[in-house]
Amino acid sequence: MRILKDIPFREIRGGICYIPENDNIKKLPITDYMKGDEKANGIICYGYVDFNAGISFEVLCKAYKDPSGNITGYEGNKNKSIKLRLANVKDCQVVMLNDIEIYNAHSSKIDGINDYYKGTKAIEKLRSINYSFLDPFRHPEYPDDIQAALGTEYLWVRCKLVRDDIFYGTLLNDSIQNPDLRSGEEVMFKYENGKCEIVL
């Protein structure tokens, strides 16, 4: 088992995992919409990245993990969407699953998630392994958000385009150093000498 927050977002995205039940999961209306019994002690989820909400999980079904580590999924609900954000389960010890039967059982829901949350061509490019040099600057829960320097200050930029080695995105917090630079403004930054720097 691995702690969820330590798993790279590219592995979570498009992956299926077992997450043991915690207090945040208990608050979800899973029992109202998905089958299971008293043995159920977790859920099986599909991971994806929401451009605005960050690393997220679609609940596919309730699950039981036995003392030997075998995981059994119950019947899901194709018509009900229940979501989790990484912040709610980041400290959980999870099991990444490579189970074609689970995928096939929930393929219509998974395909719908992939279609709806797929980023633009530019965003998908920025998420790719080709831009792994940005990973040290990515927000741990929002991989499209990059921390860029403005002098001695660091600001968050939701990145959506790269062109000619210049990155473009939306500023997510106000600058203290430059009062004219406010949250919501479009900004540019470049990666140079091992760090990201805002270009004014």
N, C-alpha and C. Protein backbone atom coordinates (compact mmCIF):
# COMPACT_ATOMS: atom_id res chain seq x y z
N MET A 1 0.85 -1.19 0.00
CA MET A 1 0.00 0.00 0.00
C MET A 1 0.88 1.24 0.00
N ARG A 2 0.38 2.31 -0.60
CA ARG A 2 1.14 3.55 -0.73
C ARG A 2 0.29 4.72 -0.26
N ILE A 3 0.95 5.72 0.32
CA ILE A 3 0.22 6.92 0.74
C ILE A 3 -0.13 7.72 -0.51
N LEU A 4 -1.38 8.08 -0.63
CA LEU A 4 -1.90 8.66 -1.86
C LEU A 4 -1.16 9.93 -2.27
N LYS A 5 -0.85 10.80 -1.31
CA LYS A 5 -0.22 12.07 -1.65
C LYS A 5 1.19 11.88 -2.19
N ASP A 6 1.78 10.69 -2.01
CA ASP A 6 3.13 10.43 -2.50
C ASP A 6 3.15 9.84 -3.90
N ILE A 7 1.99 9.56 -4.46
CA ILE A 7 1.91 8.96 -5.79
C ILE A 7 1.88 10.07 -6.84
N PRO A 8 2.74 10.02 -7.86
CA PRO A 8 2.75 11.07 -8.89
C PRO A 8 1.39 11.22 -9.57
N PHE A 9 1.04 12.45 -9.90
CA PHE A 9 -0.30 12.69 -10.46
C PHE A 9 -0.51 11.96 -11.78
N ARG A 10 0.56 11.72 -12.54
CA ARG A 10 0.40 11.02 -13.81
C ARG A 10 0.02 9.55 -13.61
N GLU A 11 0.38 9.01 -12.46
CA GLU A 11 0.00 7.63 -12.13
C GLU A 11 -1.43 7.58 -11.60
N ILE A 12 -1.81 8.58 -10.84
CA ILE A 12 -3.18 8.65 -10.33
C ILE A 12 -4.15 8.87 -11.49
N ARG A 13 -3.80 9.76 -12.36
CA ARG A 13 -4.67 10.11 -13.49
C ARG A 13 -4.82 8.91 -14.42
N GLY A 14 -6.05 8.51 -14.63
CA GLY A 14 -6.30 7.35 -15.48
C GLY A 14 -6.10 6.03 -14.77
N GLY A 15 -5.85 6.09 -13.45
CA GLY A 15 -5.64 4.88 -12.68
C GLY A 15 -6.85 4.54 -11.82
N ILE A 16 -6.94 3.27 -11.46
CA ILE A 16 -8.00 2.79 -10.58
C ILE A 16 -7.36 2.40 -9.25
N CYS A 17 -7.96 2.80 -8.16
CA CYS A 17 -7.36 2.50 -6.86
C CYS A 17 -8.42 2.15 -5.82
N TYR A 18 -7.97 1.39 -4.84
CA TYR A 18 -8.78 1.10 -3.66
C TYR A 18 -8.37 2.08 -2.56
N ILE A 19 -9.36 2.77 -1.98
CA ILE A 19 -9.12 3.71 -0.89
C ILE A 19 -9.89 3.23 0.33
N PRO A 20 -9.19 2.99 1.45
CA PRO A 20 -9.91 2.56 2.65
C PRO A 20 -10.80 3.67 3.19
N GLU A 21 -11.87 3.27 3.82
CA GLU A 21 -12.84 4.24 4.33
C GLU A 21 -12.22 5.12 5.41
N ASN A 22 -12.46 6.42 5.31
CA ASN A 22 -12.07 7.36 6.38
C ASN A 22 -13.27 8.26 6.69
N ASP A 23 -13.08 9.22 7.58
CA ASP A 23 -14.21 10.07 8.00
C ASP A 23 -14.78 10.86 6.84
N ASN A 24 -13.92 11.32 5.92
CA ASN A 24 -14.42 12.10 4.78
C ASN A 24 -15.23 11.23 3.83
N ILE A 25 -14.81 10.00 3.65
CA ILE A 25 -15.56 9.09 2.78
C ILE A 25 -16.92 8.75 3.41
N LYS A 26 -16.94 8.61 4.73
CA LYS A 26 -18.19 8.29 5.42
C LYS A 26 -19.24 9.39 5.24
N LYS A 27 -18.79 10.61 4.98
CA LYS A 27 -19.72 11.73 4.80
C LYS A 27 -20.40 11.71 3.43
N LEU A 28 -19.85 10.95 2.50
CA LEU A 28 -20.41 10.90 1.15
C LEU A 28 -21.66 10.01 1.14
N PRO A 29 -22.60 10.29 0.23
CA PRO A 29 -23.84 9.50 0.18
C PRO A 29 -23.67 8.18 -0.57
N ILE A 30 -22.55 7.50 -0.33
CA ILE A 30 -22.25 6.28 -1.09
C ILE A 30 -23.26 5.18 -0.78
N THR A 31 -23.59 5.02 0.50
CA THR A 31 -24.52 3.96 0.90
C THR A 31 -25.89 4.16 0.27
N ASP A 32 -26.26 5.40 0.00
CA ASP A 32 -27.58 5.69 -0.58
C ASP A 32 -27.67 5.25 -2.04
N TYR A 33 -26.53 5.19 -2.71
CA TYR A 33 -26.57 4.98 -4.16
C TYR A 33 -25.81 3.75 -4.65
N MET A 34 -25.01 3.13 -3.79
CA MET A 34 -24.20 2.00 -4.24
C MET A 34 -24.37 0.81 -3.31
N LYS A 35 -24.36 -0.37 -3.92
CA LYS A 35 -24.58 -1.59 -3.16
C LYS A 35 -23.34 -1.98 -2.37
N GLY A 36 -23.59 -2.76 -1.32
CA GLY A 36 -22.50 -3.25 -0.47
C GLY A 36 -23.11 -3.93 0.74
N ASP A 37 -22.26 -4.43 1.61
CA ASP A 37 -22.76 -5.04 2.84
C ASP A 37 -21.88 -4.59 4.00
N GLU A 38 -22.08 -5.21 5.16
CA GLU A 38 -21.36 -4.77 6.35
C GLU A 38 -19.86 -5.01 6.27
N LYS A 39 -19.42 -5.85 5.34
CA LYS A 39 -17.98 -6.10 5.20
C LYS A 39 -17.26 -4.98 4.46
N ALA A 40 -17.98 -4.19 3.70
CA ALA A 40 -17.35 -3.14 2.89
C ALA A 40 -16.51 -2.22 3.77
N ASN A 41 -15.26 -2.04 3.39
CA ASN A 41 -14.35 -1.22 4.21
C ASN A 41 -13.57 -0.20 3.38
N GLY A 42 -14.07 0.07 2.18
CA GLY A 42 -13.41 1.05 1.33
C GLY A 42 -14.18 1.26 0.04
N ILE A 43 -13.55 1.97 -0.87
CA ILE A 43 -14.17 2.25 -2.17
C ILE A 43 -13.13 2.05 -3.27
N ILE A 44 -13.63 1.79 -4.46
CA ILE A 44 -12.77 1.75 -5.64
C ILE A 44 -13.07 3.00 -6.46
N CYS A 45 -12.01 3.71 -6.83
CA CYS A 45 -12.16 5.01 -7.50
C CYS A 45 -11.33 5.07 -8.77
N TYR A 46 -11.71 6.00 -9.62
CA TYR A 46 -10.96 6.31 -10.84
C TYR A 46 -10.40 7.72 -10.71
N GLY A 47 -9.11 7.86 -10.93
CA GLY A 47 -8.46 9.15 -10.76
C GLY A 47 -8.40 9.98 -12.04
N TYR A 48 -8.56 11.28 -11.89
CA TYR A 48 -8.47 12.19 -13.03
C TYR A 48 -8.06 13.58 -12.53
N VAL A 49 -7.78 14.48 -13.46
CA VAL A 49 -7.44 15.85 -13.09
C VAL A 49 -8.50 16.80 -13.63
N ASP A 50 -9.11 17.55 -12.73
CA ASP A 50 -10.05 18.60 -13.07
C ASP A 50 -9.25 19.91 -13.11
N PHE A 51 -9.29 20.63 -14.21
CA PHE A 51 -8.47 21.83 -14.38
C PHE A 51 -8.67 22.83 -13.24
N ASN A 52 -9.91 22.93 -12.74
CA ASN A 52 -10.20 23.89 -11.67
C ASN A 52 -10.16 23.27 -10.28
N ALA A 53 -10.49 22.00 -10.15
CA ALA A 53 -10.58 21.37 -8.83
C ALA A 53 -9.40 20.46 -8.52
N GLY A 54 -8.50 20.29 -9.46
CA GLY A 54 -7.29 19.51 -9.20
C GLY A 54 -7.49 18.01 -9.26
N ILE A 55 -6.59 17.28 -8.59
CA ILE A 55 -6.64 15.82 -8.60
C ILE A 55 -7.92 15.35 -7.91
N SER A 56 -8.68 14.54 -8.62
CA SER A 56 -10.01 14.13 -8.16
C SER A 56 -10.21 12.64 -8.40
N PHE A 57 -11.26 12.13 -7.78
CA PHE A 57 -11.58 10.71 -7.90
C PHE A 57 -13.07 10.53 -8.09
N GLU A 58 -13.44 9.71 -9.05
CA GLU A 58 -14.83 9.31 -9.24
C GLU A 58 -15.02 7.97 -8.53
N VAL A 59 -15.99 7.91 -7.61
CA VAL A 59 -16.26 6.67 -6.90
C VAL A 59 -16.96 5.70 -7.86
N LEU A 60 -16.35 4.53 -8.05
CA LEU A 60 -16.93 3.53 -8.94
C LEU A 60 -17.83 2.56 -8.18
N CYS A 61 -17.39 2.17 -6.99
CA CYS A 61 -18.18 1.22 -6.20
C CYS A 61 -17.61 1.09 -4.80
N LYS A 62 -18.39 0.50 -3.92
CA LYS A 62 -17.88 0.12 -2.60
C LYS A 62 -17.02 -1.12 -2.76
N ALA A 63 -16.15 -1.37 -1.77
CA ALA A 63 -15.24 -2.50 -1.91
C ALA A 63 -14.91 -3.11 -0.56
N TYR A 64 -14.44 -4.35 -0.62
CA TYR A 64 -13.99 -5.06 0.58
C TYR A 64 -12.56 -5.54 0.36
N LYS A 65 -11.68 -5.17 1.27
CA LYS A 65 -10.29 -5.66 1.26
C LYS A 65 -10.14 -6.63 2.42
N ASP A 66 -9.86 -7.90 2.09
CA ASP A 66 -9.76 -8.91 3.14
C ASP A 66 -8.38 -8.89 3.79
N PRO A 67 -8.20 -9.61 4.90
CA PRO A 67 -6.92 -9.58 5.62
C PRO A 67 -5.72 -10.01 4.77
N SER A 68 -5.98 -10.76 3.71
CA SER A 68 -4.88 -11.20 2.84
C SER A 68 -4.54 -10.17 1.77
N GLY A 69 -5.34 -9.11 1.70
CA GLY A 69 -5.08 -8.06 0.71
C GLY A 69 -5.89 -8.18 -0.56
N ASN A 70 -6.73 -9.21 -0.66
CA ASN A 70 -7.58 -9.36 -1.84
C ASN A 70 -8.71 -8.33 -1.79
N ILE A 71 -8.98 -7.73 -2.93
CA ILE A 71 -9.98 -6.66 -3.00
C ILE A 71 -11.13 -7.07 -3.91
N THR A 72 -12.34 -6.94 -3.38
CA THR A 72 -13.54 -7.27 -4.14
C THR A 72 -14.41 -6.03 -4.25
N GLY A 73 -14.81 -5.71 -5.47
CA GLY A 73 -15.70 -4.57 -5.68
C GLY A 73 -17.15 -5.01 -5.74
N TYR A 74 -18.04 -4.17 -5.22
CA TYR A 74 -19.46 -4.43 -5.32
C TYR A 74 -20.01 -3.77 -6.59
N GLU A 75 -21.29 -3.91 -6.79
CA GLU A 75 -21.91 -3.30 -7.97
C GLU A 75 -21.95 -1.78 -7.82
N GLY A 76 -21.60 -1.07 -8.89
CA GLY A 76 -21.62 0.38 -8.86
C GLY A 76 -22.96 0.94 -9.30
N ASN A 77 -22.98 2.24 -9.54
CA ASN A 77 -24.19 2.92 -10.01
C ASN A 77 -23.80 3.79 -11.20
N LYS A 78 -24.20 3.36 -12.38
CA LYS A 78 -23.80 4.07 -13.61
C LYS A 78 -24.46 5.44 -13.73
N ASN A 79 -25.53 5.65 -12.99
CA ASN A 79 -26.29 6.89 -13.15
C ASN A 79 -26.01 7.94 -12.09
N LYS A 80 -25.17 7.61 -11.12
CA LYS A 80 -24.89 8.54 -10.03
C LYS A 80 -23.40 8.84 -9.97
N SER A 81 -23.06 10.13 -9.92
CA SER A 81 -21.67 10.55 -9.83
C SER A 81 -21.36 11.01 -8.41
N ILE A 82 -20.35 10.41 -7.80
CA ILE A 82 -19.88 10.81 -6.47
C ILE A 82 -18.38 11.06 -6.57
N LYS A 83 -17.96 12.25 -6.19
CA LYS A 83 -16.57 12.66 -6.39
C LYS A 83 -15.86 12.92 -5.07
N LEU A 84 -14.55 12.72 -5.12
CA LEU A 84 -13.66 13.03 -4.00
C LEU A 84 -12.53 13.89 -4.52
N ARG A 85 -12.04 14.79 -3.70
CA ARG A 85 -10.83 15.55 -4.05
C ARG A 85 -9.65 14.98 -3.26
N LEU A 86 -8.47 15.16 -3.79
CA LEU A 86 -7.28 14.61 -3.15
C LEU A 86 -7.15 15.05 -1.70
N ALA A 87 -7.50 16.30 -1.42
CA ALA A 87 -7.37 16.82 -0.05
C ALA A 87 -8.12 15.97 0.97
N ASN A 88 -9.21 15.32 0.54
CA ASN A 88 -10.03 14.53 1.46
C ASN A 88 -9.44 13.16 1.78
N VAL A 89 -8.51 12.70 0.95
CA VAL A 89 -8.01 11.32 1.12
C VAL A 89 -6.49 11.23 0.97
N LYS A 90 -5.79 12.36 0.96
CA LYS A 90 -4.37 12.37 0.61
C LYS A 90 -3.49 11.57 1.56
N ASP A 91 -3.92 11.39 2.81
CA ASP A 91 -3.11 10.64 3.78
C ASP A 91 -3.48 9.17 3.85
N CYS A 92 -4.42 8.74 3.01
CA CYS A 92 -4.84 7.33 3.02
C CYS A 92 -3.79 6.45 2.37
N GLN A 93 -3.66 5.23 2.88
CA GLN A 93 -2.81 4.23 2.24
C GLN A 93 -3.68 3.47 1.26
N VAL A 94 -3.35 3.57 -0.01
CA VAL A 94 -4.20 3.04 -1.07
C VAL A 94 -3.50 1.91 -1.82
N VAL A 95 -4.29 1.20 -2.61
CA VAL A 95 -3.76 0.17 -3.49
C VAL A 95 -4.11 0.55 -4.92
N MET A 96 -3.09 0.72 -5.76
CA MET A 96 -3.34 0.97 -7.18
C MET A 96 -3.66 -0.37 -7.83
N LEU A 97 -4.74 -0.41 -8.58
CA LEU A 97 -5.24 -1.66 -9.16
C LEU A 97 -5.04 -1.68 -10.67
N ASN A 98 -4.63 -2.81 -11.17
CA ASN A 98 -4.52 -3.02 -12.61
C ASN A 98 -5.41 -4.21 -12.94
N ASP A 99 -6.71 -3.96 -12.93
CA ASP A 99 -7.70 -5.02 -13.03
C ASP A 99 -8.64 -4.74 -14.19
N ILE A 100 -8.50 -5.50 -15.25
CA ILE A 100 -9.30 -5.26 -16.46
C ILE A 100 -10.78 -5.52 -16.19
N GLU A 101 -11.09 -6.43 -15.26
CA GLU A 101 -12.49 -6.71 -14.95
C GLU A 101 -13.16 -5.50 -14.30
N ILE A 102 -12.45 -4.85 -13.40
CA ILE A 102 -13.00 -3.64 -12.77
C ILE A 102 -13.19 -2.56 -13.83
N TYR A 103 -12.18 -2.40 -14.69
CA TYR A 103 -12.30 -1.39 -15.75
C TYR A 103 -13.52 -1.67 -16.63
N ASN A 104 -13.66 -2.91 -17.06
CA ASN A 104 -14.77 -3.25 -17.96
C ASN A 104 -16.12 -3.04 -17.29
N ALA A 105 -16.19 -3.33 -15.99
CA ALA A 105 -17.46 -3.18 -15.27
C ALA A 105 -17.90 -1.72 -15.17
N HIS A 106 -16.94 -0.81 -15.25
CA HIS A 106 -17.25 0.62 -15.08
C HIS A 106 -16.80 1.44 -16.29
N SER A 107 -16.64 0.80 -17.44
CA SER A 107 -16.05 1.47 -18.60
C SER A 107 -16.86 2.67 -19.08
N SER A 108 -18.18 2.59 -19.00
CA SER A 108 -18.99 3.71 -19.50
C SER A 108 -18.79 4.95 -18.64
N LYS A 109 -18.70 4.76 -17.32
CA LYS A 109 -18.48 5.90 -16.42
C LYS A 109 -17.07 6.45 -16.61
N ILE A 110 -16.09 5.56 -16.74
CA ILE A 110 -14.71 5.98 -16.93
C ILE A 110 -14.56 6.74 -18.24
N ASP A 111 -15.16 6.23 -19.30
CA ASP A 111 -15.09 6.92 -20.60
C ASP A 111 -15.72 8.30 -20.52
N GLY A 112 -16.81 8.41 -19.77
CA GLY A 112 -17.47 9.71 -19.61
C GLY A 112 -16.59 10.71 -18.88
N ILE A 113 -15.90 10.25 -17.84
CA ILE A 113 -14.96 11.10 -17.09
C ILE A 113 -13.84 11.57 -18.01
N ASN A 114 -13.27 10.63 -18.76
CA ASN A 114 -12.17 10.98 -19.66
C ASN A 114 -12.58 12.01 -20.70
N ASP A 115 -13.77 11.85 -21.25
CA ASP A 115 -14.24 12.79 -22.27
C ASP A 115 -14.49 14.17 -21.68
N TYR A 116 -15.12 14.21 -20.51
CA TYR A 116 -15.54 15.49 -19.93
C TYR A 116 -14.36 16.28 -19.37
N TYR A 117 -13.40 15.59 -18.77
CA TYR A 117 -12.32 16.29 -18.08
C TYR A 117 -11.02 16.35 -18.87
N LYS A 118 -11.04 15.88 -20.08
CA LYS A 118 -9.83 16.00 -20.90
C LYS A 118 -9.54 17.48 -21.14
N GLY A 119 -8.29 17.86 -20.94
CA GLY A 119 -7.92 19.25 -21.14
C GLY A 119 -7.77 19.60 -22.61
N THR A 120 -7.57 20.87 -22.89
CA THR A 120 -7.27 21.27 -24.26
C THR A 120 -5.95 20.63 -24.68
N LYS A 121 -5.66 20.67 -25.96
CA LYS A 121 -4.41 20.11 -26.45
C LYS A 121 -3.22 20.74 -25.75
N ALA A 122 -3.30 22.04 -25.50
CA ALA A 122 -2.20 22.75 -24.84
C ALA A 122 -2.05 22.31 -23.38
N ILE A 123 -3.17 22.14 -22.68
CA ILE A 123 -3.12 21.70 -21.28
C ILE A 123 -2.59 20.28 -21.18
N GLU A 124 -3.06 19.41 -22.08
CA GLU A 124 -2.57 18.03 -22.06
C GLU A 124 -1.06 17.98 -22.33
N LYS A 125 -0.60 18.85 -23.19
CA LYS A 125 0.84 18.94 -23.46
C LYS A 125 1.61 19.30 -22.19
N LEU A 126 1.08 20.26 -21.44
CA LEU A 126 1.76 20.71 -20.22
C LEU A 126 1.73 19.66 -19.11
N ARG A 127 0.75 18.77 -19.16
CA ARG A 127 0.67 17.69 -18.16
C ARG A 127 1.57 16.51 -18.51
N SER A 128 2.06 16.47 -19.73
CA SER A 128 2.81 15.31 -20.21
C SER A 128 4.18 15.20 -19.55
N ILE A 129 4.77 14.02 -19.70
CA ILE A 129 6.09 13.76 -19.12
C ILE A 129 7.15 14.67 -19.72
N ASN A 130 6.88 15.20 -20.91
CA ASN A 130 7.83 16.12 -21.54
C ASN A 130 8.02 17.40 -20.72
N TYR A 131 7.05 17.69 -19.87
CA TYR A 131 7.15 18.89 -19.03
C TYR A 131 7.31 18.52 -17.55
N SER A 132 7.94 17.37 -17.32
CA SER A 132 8.17 16.93 -15.94
C SER A 132 9.14 17.86 -15.20
N PHE A 133 9.91 18.67 -15.96
CA PHE A 133 10.80 19.62 -15.28
C PHE A 133 10.02 20.66 -14.48
N LEU A 134 8.71 20.78 -14.77
CA LEU A 134 7.86 21.69 -14.00
C LEU A 134 7.35 21.06 -12.70
N ASP A 135 7.50 19.75 -12.58
CA ASP A 135 6.90 19.03 -11.45
C ASP A 135 7.28 19.58 -10.08
N PRO A 136 8.54 19.98 -9.84
CA PRO A 136 8.88 20.53 -8.52
C PRO A 136 8.11 21.81 -8.17
N PHE A 137 7.55 22.46 -9.20
CA PHE A 137 6.84 23.73 -8.99
C PHE A 137 5.33 23.56 -9.02
N ARG A 138 4.85 22.35 -9.28
CA ARG A 138 3.41 22.11 -9.34
C ARG A 138 2.83 22.03 -7.93
N HIS A 139 1.60 22.50 -7.81
CA HIS A 139 0.88 22.36 -6.54
C HIS A 139 0.61 20.87 -6.33
N PRO A 140 0.80 20.33 -5.13
CA PRO A 140 0.63 18.89 -4.92
C PRO A 140 -0.79 18.38 -5.16
N GLU A 141 -1.78 19.26 -5.09
CA GLU A 141 -3.17 18.84 -5.31
C GLU A 141 -3.73 19.37 -6.63
N TYR A 142 -3.08 20.38 -7.20
CA TYR A 142 -3.55 21.01 -8.44
C TYR A 142 -2.39 21.04 -9.44
N PRO A 143 -2.18 19.98 -10.18
CA PRO A 143 -0.98 19.88 -11.02
C PRO A 143 -0.90 20.90 -12.16
N ASP A 144 -2.00 21.56 -12.48
CA ASP A 144 -1.96 22.60 -13.51
C ASP A 144 -1.52 23.95 -12.94
N ASP A 145 -1.39 24.03 -11.62
CA ASP A 145 -0.98 25.28 -10.96
C ASP A 145 0.51 25.24 -10.70
N ILE A 146 1.21 26.25 -11.22
CA ILE A 146 2.67 26.31 -11.14
C ILE A 146 3.08 27.49 -10.28
N GLN A 147 4.05 27.27 -9.40
CA GLN A 147 4.57 28.34 -8.55
C GLN A 147 5.70 29.05 -9.30
N ALA A 148 5.51 30.33 -9.55
CA ALA A 148 6.50 31.11 -10.30
C ALA A 148 6.96 32.30 -9.46
N ALA A 149 8.21 32.66 -9.63
CA ALA A 149 8.81 33.72 -8.82
C ALA A 149 8.61 35.09 -9.47
N LEU A 150 8.38 36.08 -8.62
CA LEU A 150 8.40 37.48 -9.02
C LEU A 150 9.34 38.16 -8.03
N GLY A 151 10.59 38.27 -8.40
CA GLY A 151 11.60 38.74 -7.46
C GLY A 151 11.75 37.73 -6.34
N THR A 152 11.52 38.18 -5.10
CA THR A 152 11.62 37.28 -3.95
C THR A 152 10.28 36.67 -3.56
N GLU A 153 9.24 37.00 -4.33
CA GLU A 153 7.89 36.54 -4.03
C GLU A 153 7.52 35.37 -4.93
N TYR A 154 6.71 34.44 -4.41
CA TYR A 154 6.25 33.31 -5.22
C TYR A 154 4.73 33.37 -5.36
N LEU A 155 4.28 33.23 -6.61
CA LEU A 155 2.86 33.32 -6.92
C LEU A 155 2.42 32.05 -7.65
N TRP A 156 1.13 31.74 -7.53
CA TRP A 156 0.58 30.58 -8.22
C TRP A 156 -0.06 31.00 -9.53
N VAL A 157 0.25 30.24 -10.58
CA VAL A 157 -0.29 30.50 -11.91
C VAL A 157 -0.95 29.22 -12.42
N ARG A 158 -2.23 29.30 -12.80
CA ARG A 158 -2.90 28.16 -13.42
C ARG A 158 -2.55 28.17 -14.90
N CYS A 159 -1.68 27.27 -15.26
CA CYS A 159 -1.03 27.30 -16.57
C CYS A 159 -1.90 26.61 -17.63
N LYS A 160 -2.02 27.25 -18.80
CA LYS A 160 -2.88 26.68 -19.84
C LYS A 160 -2.27 26.69 -21.23
N LEU A 161 -1.05 27.22 -21.37
CA LEU A 161 -0.46 27.29 -22.71
C LEU A 161 1.04 27.50 -22.61
N VAL A 162 1.77 26.88 -23.53
CA VAL A 162 3.19 27.18 -23.69
C VAL A 162 3.44 27.43 -25.17
N ARG A 163 4.19 28.51 -25.43
CA ARG A 163 4.51 28.85 -26.81
C ARG A 163 5.90 29.48 -26.82
N ASP A 164 6.78 28.92 -27.65
CA ASP A 164 8.16 29.44 -27.76
C ASP A 164 8.82 29.55 -26.38
N ASP A 165 8.63 28.51 -25.57
CA ASP A 165 9.25 28.42 -24.24
C ASP A 165 8.74 29.46 -23.24
N ILE A 166 7.64 30.12 -23.57
CA ILE A 166 6.97 31.03 -22.63
C ILE A 166 5.65 30.39 -22.21
N PHE A 167 5.40 30.36 -20.90
CA PHE A 167 4.19 29.74 -20.36
C PHE A 167 3.17 30.83 -20.03
N TYR A 168 1.90 30.52 -20.31
CA TYR A 168 0.82 31.48 -20.10
C TYR A 168 -0.23 30.89 -19.16
N GLY A 169 -0.78 31.73 -18.29
CA GLY A 169 -1.80 31.25 -17.39
C GLY A 169 -2.45 32.37 -16.61
N THR A 170 -3.31 31.97 -15.67
CA THR A 170 -4.07 32.92 -14.85
C THR A 170 -3.49 32.98 -13.45
N LEU A 171 -3.23 34.19 -12.98
CA LEU A 171 -2.69 34.39 -11.64
C LEU A 171 -3.76 34.03 -10.60
N LEU A 172 -3.37 33.27 -9.58
CA LEU A 172 -4.33 32.80 -8.59
C LEU A 172 -4.30 33.55 -7.27
N ASN A 173 -3.28 34.36 -7.07
CA ASN A 173 -3.23 35.17 -5.84
C ASN A 173 -2.64 36.54 -6.13
N ASP A 174 -2.97 37.51 -5.28
CA ASP A 174 -2.48 38.87 -5.47
C ASP A 174 -0.99 38.95 -5.14
N SER A 175 -0.30 39.80 -5.89
CA SER A 175 1.10 40.06 -5.58
C SER A 175 1.20 41.13 -4.50
N ILE A 176 2.04 40.89 -3.52
CA ILE A 176 2.32 41.90 -2.50
C ILE A 176 3.39 42.86 -3.02
N GLN A 177 4.32 42.31 -3.75
CA GLN A 177 5.46 43.08 -4.26
C GLN A 177 5.04 44.06 -5.36
N ASN A 178 4.08 43.63 -6.18
CA ASN A 178 3.59 44.47 -7.27
C ASN A 178 2.07 44.59 -7.14
N PRO A 179 1.56 45.67 -6.50
CA PRO A 179 0.13 45.82 -6.25
C PRO A 179 -0.74 45.82 -7.50
N ASP A 180 -0.14 46.09 -8.66
CA ASP A 180 -0.91 46.10 -9.90
C ASP A 180 -1.19 44.69 -10.42
N LEU A 181 -0.52 43.70 -9.85
CA LEU A 181 -0.66 42.32 -10.31
C LEU A 181 -1.65 41.61 -9.38
N ARG A 182 -2.87 41.39 -9.91
CA ARG A 182 -3.95 40.87 -9.07
C ARG A 182 -4.40 39.49 -9.53
N SER A 183 -5.00 38.77 -8.61
CA SER A 183 -5.57 37.46 -8.92
C SER A 183 -6.57 37.58 -10.08
N GLY A 184 -6.51 36.64 -11.01
CA GLY A 184 -7.40 36.65 -12.17
C GLY A 184 -6.77 37.22 -13.42
N GLU A 185 -5.63 37.91 -13.26
CA GLU A 185 -4.96 38.47 -14.44
C GLU A 185 -4.20 37.39 -15.19
N GLU A 186 -4.09 37.59 -16.49
CA GLU A 186 -3.30 36.68 -17.33
C GLU A 186 -1.83 37.10 -17.24
N VAL A 187 -0.97 36.13 -17.00
CA VAL A 187 0.46 36.43 -16.86
C VAL A 187 1.28 35.43 -17.68
N MET A 188 2.55 35.76 -17.84
CA MET A 188 3.49 34.88 -18.53
C MET A 188 4.64 34.55 -17.57
N PHE A 189 5.21 33.37 -17.75
CA PHE A 189 6.44 33.06 -17.02
C PHE A 189 7.33 32.17 -17.88
N LYS A 190 8.58 32.13 -17.53
CA LYS A 190 9.53 31.29 -18.25
C LYS A 190 10.28 30.40 -17.27
N TYR A 191 10.76 29.29 -17.78
CA TYR A 191 11.58 28.38 -16.97
C TYR A 191 13.03 28.59 -17.37
N GLU A 192 13.83 29.02 -16.42
CA GLU A 192 15.22 29.35 -16.73
C GLU A 192 16.07 29.16 -15.49
N ASN A 193 17.24 28.59 -15.67
CA ASN A 193 18.19 28.38 -14.57
C ASN A 193 17.55 27.63 -13.40
N GLY A 194 16.72 26.65 -13.74
CA GLY A 194 16.15 25.79 -12.71
C GLY A 194 14.99 26.37 -11.93
N LYS A 195 14.41 27.48 -12.40
CA LYS A 195 13.23 28.01 -11.71
C LYS A 195 12.29 28.71 -12.69
N CYS A 196 11.06 28.89 -12.23
CA CYS A 196 10.04 29.57 -13.04
C CYS A 196 9.97 31.03 -12.59
N GLU A 197 10.03 31.95 -13.57
CA GLU A 197 10.01 33.37 -13.25
C GLU A 197 8.97 34.09 -14.09
N ILE A 198 8.15 34.91 -13.43
CA ILE A 198 7.13 35.69 -14.12
C ILE A 198 7.79 36.76 -14.96
N VAL A 199 7.25 36.92 -16.17
CA VAL A 199 7.76 37.92 -17.11
C VAL A 199 6.79 39.09 -17.13
N LEU A 200 7.26 40.28 -16.84
CA LEU A 200 6.41 41.48 -16.85
C LEU A 200 6.65 42.28 -18.12
